[in-house]
Amino acid sequence: MKQYLLLFLLLSVAIPQAQAEDFWHDSVRACVVGGGVVGASSALLLYSAAAAATAGTSAAMLPASTIVVGNTIFGCGLGTIGTMLVYGLGSVYHNMASKDLTGQQKPAEPVADK
């Protein structure tokens, strides 16, 4: 757990302040989408399996609601970690690509007006 906390702190420091708003917006979106996809797919699978089990001779009691909630939280975390990783790697690449071989920042190229 301490390693993940350290990774989160390093990624949050590596992201420039200008990208912070986009980072949090995309993290929430990834959490909602990841949680929705994993939760809905596990609910579909578990509830249909429970319905099939009750129709047969052996009725298996599954804690389906608990499993669906757990999978939803897992999907949320997975989506958020993926977004953090993408932003962190993108920031590292941007910092590496914007410097020349001497380590100096490259000057911005002028935009030609038409």
N, C-alpha and C. Protein backbone atom coordinates (compact mmCIF):
# COMPACT_ATOMS: atom_id res chain seq x y z
N MET A 1 0.82 -1.19 0.00
CA MET A 1 0.00 0.00 0.00
C MET A 1 0.86 1.25 0.00
N LYS A 2 1.97 1.19 0.72
CA LYS A 2 2.85 2.35 0.78
C LYS A 2 3.47 2.64 -0.58
N GLN A 3 3.73 1.59 -1.37
CA GLN A 3 4.30 1.77 -2.70
C GLN A 3 3.31 2.48 -3.62
N TYR A 4 2.03 2.12 -3.53
CA TYR A 4 1.03 2.76 -4.37
C TYR A 4 0.83 4.22 -3.96
N LEU A 5 0.91 4.50 -2.69
CA LEU A 5 0.80 5.88 -2.22
C LEU A 5 1.97 6.71 -2.73
N LEU A 6 3.17 6.13 -2.69
CA LEU A 6 4.34 6.82 -3.21
C LEU A 6 4.22 7.03 -4.72
N LEU A 7 3.72 6.04 -5.44
CA LEU A 7 3.52 6.18 -6.88
C LEU A 7 2.50 7.28 -7.18
N PHE A 8 1.42 7.34 -6.42
CA PHE A 8 0.42 8.38 -6.60
C PHE A 8 1.01 9.76 -6.35
N LEU A 9 1.82 9.90 -5.31
CA LEU A 9 2.45 11.19 -5.03
C LEU A 9 3.42 11.60 -6.12
N LEU A 10 4.20 10.65 -6.63
CA LEU A 10 5.14 10.97 -7.70
C LEU A 10 4.41 11.38 -8.98
N LEU A 11 3.33 10.69 -9.30
CA LEU A 11 2.57 11.05 -10.50
C LEU A 11 1.88 12.40 -10.33
N SER A 12 1.40 12.70 -9.15
CA SER A 12 0.74 13.99 -8.94
C SER A 12 1.73 15.14 -9.01
N VAL A 13 2.99 14.90 -8.61
CA VAL A 13 4.01 15.94 -8.72
C VAL A 13 4.45 16.10 -10.16
N ALA A 14 4.48 15.01 -10.92
CA ALA A 14 4.97 15.05 -12.30
C ALA A 14 3.99 15.75 -13.24
N ILE A 15 2.74 15.85 -12.87
CA ILE A 15 1.74 16.45 -13.74
C ILE A 15 1.76 17.96 -13.54
N PRO A 16 1.95 18.72 -14.62
CA PRO A 16 1.95 20.17 -14.50
C PRO A 16 0.60 20.69 -14.02
N GLN A 17 0.64 21.85 -13.41
CA GLN A 17 -0.58 22.42 -12.83
C GLN A 17 -1.63 22.69 -13.91
N ALA A 18 -1.19 23.01 -15.12
CA ALA A 18 -2.14 23.29 -16.20
C ALA A 18 -2.95 22.05 -16.57
N GLN A 19 -2.37 20.86 -16.40
CA GLN A 19 -3.07 19.63 -16.75
C GLN A 19 -3.85 19.06 -15.56
N ALA A 20 -3.74 19.65 -14.40
CA ALA A 20 -4.35 19.07 -13.20
C ALA A 20 -5.86 18.98 -13.32
N GLU A 21 -6.50 20.01 -13.86
CA GLU A 21 -7.95 19.98 -13.98
C GLU A 21 -8.39 18.88 -14.95
N ASP A 22 -7.69 18.76 -16.07
CA ASP A 22 -8.00 17.69 -17.02
C ASP A 22 -7.74 16.32 -16.41
N PHE A 23 -6.68 16.22 -15.62
CA PHE A 23 -6.33 14.95 -14.97
C PHE A 23 -7.46 14.49 -14.05
N TRP A 24 -7.95 15.37 -13.19
CA TRP A 24 -9.00 14.97 -12.26
C TRP A 24 -10.31 14.69 -12.99
N HIS A 25 -10.60 15.48 -14.02
CA HIS A 25 -11.81 15.25 -14.81
C HIS A 25 -11.75 13.88 -15.49
N ASP A 26 -10.61 13.57 -16.10
CA ASP A 26 -10.46 12.28 -16.77
C ASP A 26 -10.40 11.13 -15.78
N SER A 27 -9.86 11.35 -14.59
CA SER A 27 -9.82 10.30 -13.58
C SER A 27 -11.22 9.93 -13.10
N VAL A 28 -12.05 10.94 -12.89
CA VAL A 28 -13.44 10.67 -12.48
C VAL A 28 -14.18 9.96 -13.60
N ARG A 29 -13.96 10.39 -14.83
CA ARG A 29 -14.61 9.74 -15.96
C ARG A 29 -14.17 8.28 -16.07
N ALA A 30 -12.86 8.03 -15.90
CA ALA A 30 -12.36 6.65 -15.97
C ALA A 30 -12.92 5.81 -14.84
N CYS A 31 -13.08 6.41 -13.67
CA CYS A 31 -13.66 5.69 -12.53
C CYS A 31 -15.10 5.29 -12.83
N VAL A 32 -15.87 6.22 -13.36
CA VAL A 32 -17.28 5.94 -13.65
C VAL A 32 -17.40 4.89 -14.75
N VAL A 33 -16.62 5.05 -15.81
CA VAL A 33 -16.72 4.10 -16.93
C VAL A 33 -16.20 2.72 -16.51
N GLY A 34 -15.03 2.68 -15.86
CA GLY A 34 -14.47 1.40 -15.42
C GLY A 34 -15.37 0.69 -14.43
N GLY A 35 -15.87 1.42 -13.46
CA GLY A 35 -16.78 0.83 -12.48
C GLY A 35 -18.08 0.37 -13.11
N GLY A 36 -18.60 1.16 -14.04
CA GLY A 36 -19.84 0.79 -14.70
C GLY A 36 -19.71 -0.46 -15.55
N VAL A 37 -18.62 -0.53 -16.30
CA VAL A 37 -18.42 -1.69 -17.17
C VAL A 37 -18.21 -2.96 -16.36
N VAL A 38 -17.29 -2.91 -15.40
CA VAL A 38 -17.00 -4.12 -14.62
C VAL A 38 -18.20 -4.49 -13.74
N GLY A 39 -18.84 -3.50 -13.13
CA GLY A 39 -20.00 -3.79 -12.29
C GLY A 39 -21.17 -4.35 -13.08
N ALA A 40 -21.46 -3.75 -14.22
CA ALA A 40 -22.59 -4.23 -15.03
C ALA A 40 -22.32 -5.61 -15.61
N SER A 41 -21.10 -5.86 -16.04
CA SER A 41 -20.82 -7.18 -16.60
C SER A 41 -20.85 -8.26 -15.52
N SER A 42 -20.36 -7.95 -14.33
CA SER A 42 -20.42 -8.95 -13.26
C SER A 42 -21.86 -9.14 -12.79
N ALA A 43 -22.65 -8.08 -12.76
CA ALA A 43 -24.06 -8.22 -12.38
C ALA A 43 -24.80 -9.09 -13.39
N LEU A 44 -24.55 -8.86 -14.66
CA LEU A 44 -25.21 -9.65 -15.69
C LEU A 44 -24.85 -11.12 -15.56
N LEU A 45 -23.58 -11.39 -15.33
CA LEU A 45 -23.13 -12.77 -15.20
C LEU A 45 -23.66 -13.42 -13.92
N LEU A 46 -23.54 -12.73 -12.79
CA LEU A 46 -23.94 -13.34 -11.51
C LEU A 46 -25.45 -13.50 -11.39
N TYR A 47 -26.22 -12.50 -11.81
CA TYR A 47 -27.67 -12.61 -11.66
C TYR A 47 -28.25 -13.65 -12.61
N SER A 48 -27.67 -13.79 -13.80
CA SER A 48 -28.16 -14.83 -14.70
C SER A 48 -27.75 -16.21 -14.19
N ALA A 49 -26.56 -16.33 -13.58
CA ALA A 49 -26.13 -17.60 -13.00
C ALA A 49 -27.01 -17.95 -11.79
N ALA A 50 -27.38 -16.96 -10.99
CA ALA A 50 -28.25 -17.21 -9.84
C ALA A 50 -29.65 -17.63 -10.29
N ALA A 51 -30.14 -17.02 -11.36
CA ALA A 51 -31.45 -17.40 -11.87
C ALA A 51 -31.43 -18.82 -12.43
N ALA A 52 -30.35 -19.17 -13.09
CA ALA A 52 -30.23 -20.53 -13.62
C ALA A 52 -30.09 -21.55 -12.50
N ALA A 53 -29.40 -21.18 -11.43
CA ALA A 53 -29.21 -22.10 -10.31
C ALA A 53 -30.51 -22.33 -9.55
N THR A 54 -31.34 -21.29 -9.41
CA THR A 54 -32.61 -21.46 -8.70
C THR A 54 -33.62 -22.24 -9.54
N ALA A 55 -33.46 -22.20 -10.86
CA ALA A 55 -34.37 -22.96 -11.72
C ALA A 55 -34.02 -24.44 -11.69
N GLY A 56 -32.77 -24.76 -11.38
CA GLY A 56 -32.33 -26.16 -11.34
C GLY A 56 -32.63 -26.79 -9.99
N THR A 57 -32.03 -27.95 -9.77
CA THR A 57 -32.27 -28.68 -8.53
C THR A 57 -31.49 -28.11 -7.35
N SER A 58 -30.31 -27.57 -7.60
CA SER A 58 -29.52 -27.03 -6.49
C SER A 58 -29.54 -25.51 -6.53
N ALA A 59 -29.98 -24.94 -5.46
CA ALA A 59 -30.04 -23.49 -5.36
C ALA A 59 -28.80 -23.00 -4.62
N ALA A 60 -27.97 -22.29 -5.30
CA ALA A 60 -26.76 -21.76 -4.68
C ALA A 60 -27.00 -20.31 -4.26
N MET A 61 -26.68 -20.03 -3.04
CA MET A 61 -26.86 -18.67 -2.53
C MET A 61 -25.56 -17.91 -2.76
N LEU A 62 -25.59 -16.98 -3.67
CA LEU A 62 -24.43 -16.15 -3.96
C LEU A 62 -24.64 -14.76 -3.37
N PRO A 63 -23.62 -14.23 -2.75
CA PRO A 63 -23.75 -12.84 -2.29
C PRO A 63 -23.52 -11.90 -3.48
N ALA A 64 -24.45 -11.93 -4.43
CA ALA A 64 -24.25 -11.25 -5.71
C ALA A 64 -24.11 -9.75 -5.54
N SER A 65 -24.89 -9.15 -4.68
CA SER A 65 -24.81 -7.69 -4.51
C SER A 65 -23.45 -7.27 -3.99
N THR A 66 -22.91 -8.01 -3.05
CA THR A 66 -21.59 -7.71 -2.50
C THR A 66 -20.51 -7.85 -3.56
N ILE A 67 -20.62 -8.89 -4.37
CA ILE A 67 -19.63 -9.10 -5.43
C ILE A 67 -19.72 -8.00 -6.47
N VAL A 68 -20.93 -7.60 -6.84
CA VAL A 68 -21.09 -6.55 -7.84
C VAL A 68 -20.53 -5.23 -7.32
N VAL A 69 -20.79 -4.90 -6.07
CA VAL A 69 -20.25 -3.66 -5.49
C VAL A 69 -18.73 -3.72 -5.44
N GLY A 70 -18.19 -4.85 -5.04
CA GLY A 70 -16.73 -5.01 -4.99
C GLY A 70 -16.11 -4.89 -6.37
N ASN A 71 -16.72 -5.50 -7.37
CA ASN A 71 -16.20 -5.40 -8.73
C ASN A 71 -16.34 -3.99 -9.28
N THR A 72 -17.38 -3.28 -8.90
CA THR A 72 -17.54 -1.89 -9.33
C THR A 72 -16.43 -1.02 -8.76
N ILE A 73 -16.12 -1.21 -7.48
CA ILE A 73 -15.03 -0.44 -6.86
C ILE A 73 -13.70 -0.81 -7.50
N PHE A 74 -13.50 -2.09 -7.78
CA PHE A 74 -12.28 -2.53 -8.45
C PHE A 74 -12.14 -1.90 -9.83
N GLY A 75 -13.22 -1.89 -10.60
CA GLY A 75 -13.20 -1.27 -11.93
C GLY A 75 -12.92 0.22 -11.86
N CYS A 76 -13.48 0.88 -10.85
CA CYS A 76 -13.22 2.30 -10.64
C CYS A 76 -11.74 2.54 -10.37
N GLY A 77 -11.17 1.76 -9.49
CA GLY A 77 -9.75 1.91 -9.17
C GLY A 77 -8.87 1.59 -10.36
N LEU A 78 -9.23 0.58 -11.11
CA LEU A 78 -8.45 0.20 -12.29
C LEU A 78 -8.45 1.31 -13.33
N GLY A 79 -9.61 1.90 -13.57
CA GLY A 79 -9.69 3.01 -14.52
C GLY A 79 -8.91 4.23 -14.07
N THR A 80 -8.98 4.53 -12.78
CA THR A 80 -8.27 5.69 -12.24
C THR A 80 -6.76 5.49 -12.29
N ILE A 81 -6.30 4.31 -11.94
CA ILE A 81 -4.86 4.02 -11.99
C ILE A 81 -4.36 4.09 -13.43
N GLY A 82 -5.15 3.59 -14.37
CA GLY A 82 -4.77 3.69 -15.78
C GLY A 82 -4.66 5.13 -16.25
N THR A 83 -5.59 5.97 -15.83
CA THR A 83 -5.53 7.38 -16.19
C THR A 83 -4.32 8.05 -15.58
N MET A 84 -4.03 7.74 -14.32
CA MET A 84 -2.85 8.32 -13.67
C MET A 84 -1.58 7.89 -14.39
N LEU A 85 -1.51 6.66 -14.80
CA LEU A 85 -0.34 6.16 -15.50
C LEU A 85 -0.16 6.85 -16.85
N VAL A 86 -1.26 7.02 -17.58
CA VAL A 86 -1.18 7.67 -18.88
C VAL A 86 -0.74 9.12 -18.73
N TYR A 87 -1.30 9.85 -17.77
CA TYR A 87 -0.91 11.23 -17.58
C TYR A 87 0.54 11.34 -17.10
N GLY A 88 0.94 10.44 -16.24
CA GLY A 88 2.33 10.47 -15.75
C GLY A 88 3.32 10.19 -16.86
N LEU A 89 3.07 9.16 -17.66
CA LEU A 89 3.97 8.84 -18.77
C LEU A 89 3.94 9.93 -19.84
N GLY A 90 2.77 10.50 -20.08
CA GLY A 90 2.69 11.59 -21.05
C GLY A 90 3.46 12.81 -20.60
N SER A 91 3.42 13.09 -19.31
CA SER A 91 4.17 14.22 -18.77
C SER A 91 5.67 13.98 -18.86
N VAL A 92 6.10 12.76 -18.56
CA VAL A 92 7.52 12.42 -18.67
C VAL A 92 7.97 12.54 -20.12
N TYR A 93 7.18 12.02 -21.04
CA TYR A 93 7.53 12.11 -22.46
C TYR A 93 7.59 13.56 -22.92
N HIS A 94 6.61 14.35 -22.50
CA HIS A 94 6.60 15.77 -22.89
C HIS A 94 7.83 16.49 -22.36
N ASN A 95 8.21 16.20 -21.13
CA ASN A 95 9.41 16.84 -20.57
C ASN A 95 10.67 16.39 -21.28
N MET A 96 10.72 15.12 -21.68
CA MET A 96 11.90 14.63 -22.39
C MET A 96 11.96 15.16 -23.82
N ALA A 97 10.83 15.23 -24.49
CA ALA A 97 10.80 15.66 -25.88
C ALA A 97 10.97 17.16 -26.04
N SER A 98 10.69 17.93 -25.00
CA SER A 98 10.78 19.38 -25.13
C SER A 98 12.16 19.92 -24.78
N LYS A 99 13.12 19.04 -24.51
CA LYS A 99 14.49 19.47 -24.20
C LYS A 99 15.43 18.92 -25.27
N ASP A 100 16.46 19.69 -25.59
CA ASP A 100 17.44 19.19 -26.55
C ASP A 100 18.50 18.37 -25.82
N LEU A 101 19.55 17.98 -26.51
CA LEU A 101 20.55 17.09 -25.93
C LEU A 101 21.34 17.72 -24.79
N THR A 102 21.40 19.02 -24.71
CA THR A 102 22.15 19.68 -23.64
C THR A 102 21.32 19.84 -22.38
N GLY A 103 20.06 19.49 -22.45
CA GLY A 103 19.19 19.61 -21.28
C GLY A 103 18.49 20.95 -21.21
N GLN A 104 18.71 21.81 -22.20
CA GLN A 104 18.06 23.12 -22.23
C GLN A 104 16.69 23.01 -22.88
N GLN A 105 15.78 23.83 -22.44
CA GLN A 105 14.45 23.84 -23.00
C GLN A 105 14.51 24.37 -24.43
N LYS A 106 13.86 23.69 -25.35
CA LYS A 106 13.81 24.16 -26.73
C LYS A 106 12.94 25.39 -26.82
N PRO A 107 13.34 26.38 -27.63
CA PRO A 107 12.47 27.55 -27.80
C PRO A 107 11.23 27.17 -28.60
N ALA A 108 10.15 27.82 -28.30
CA ALA A 108 8.92 27.55 -29.02
C ALA A 108 9.04 28.05 -30.45
N GLU A 109 8.55 27.28 -31.39
CA GLU A 109 8.62 27.67 -32.79
C GLU A 109 7.58 28.75 -33.06
N PRO A 110 7.96 29.80 -33.76
CA PRO A 110 7.01 30.86 -34.04
C PRO A 110 5.92 30.38 -35.00
N VAL A 111 4.74 30.86 -34.78
CA VAL A 111 3.61 30.51 -35.62
C VAL A 111 3.48 31.58 -36.70
N ALA A 112 3.49 31.16 -37.94
CA ALA A 112 3.39 32.12 -39.04
C ALA A 112 1.95 32.54 -39.23
N ASP A 113 1.75 33.85 -39.24
CA ASP A 113 0.40 34.40 -39.48
C ASP A 113 0.15 34.44 -40.98
N LYS A 114 -1.06 34.16 -41.35
CA LYS A 114 -1.41 34.18 -42.78
C LYS A 114 -2.11 35.44 -43.13
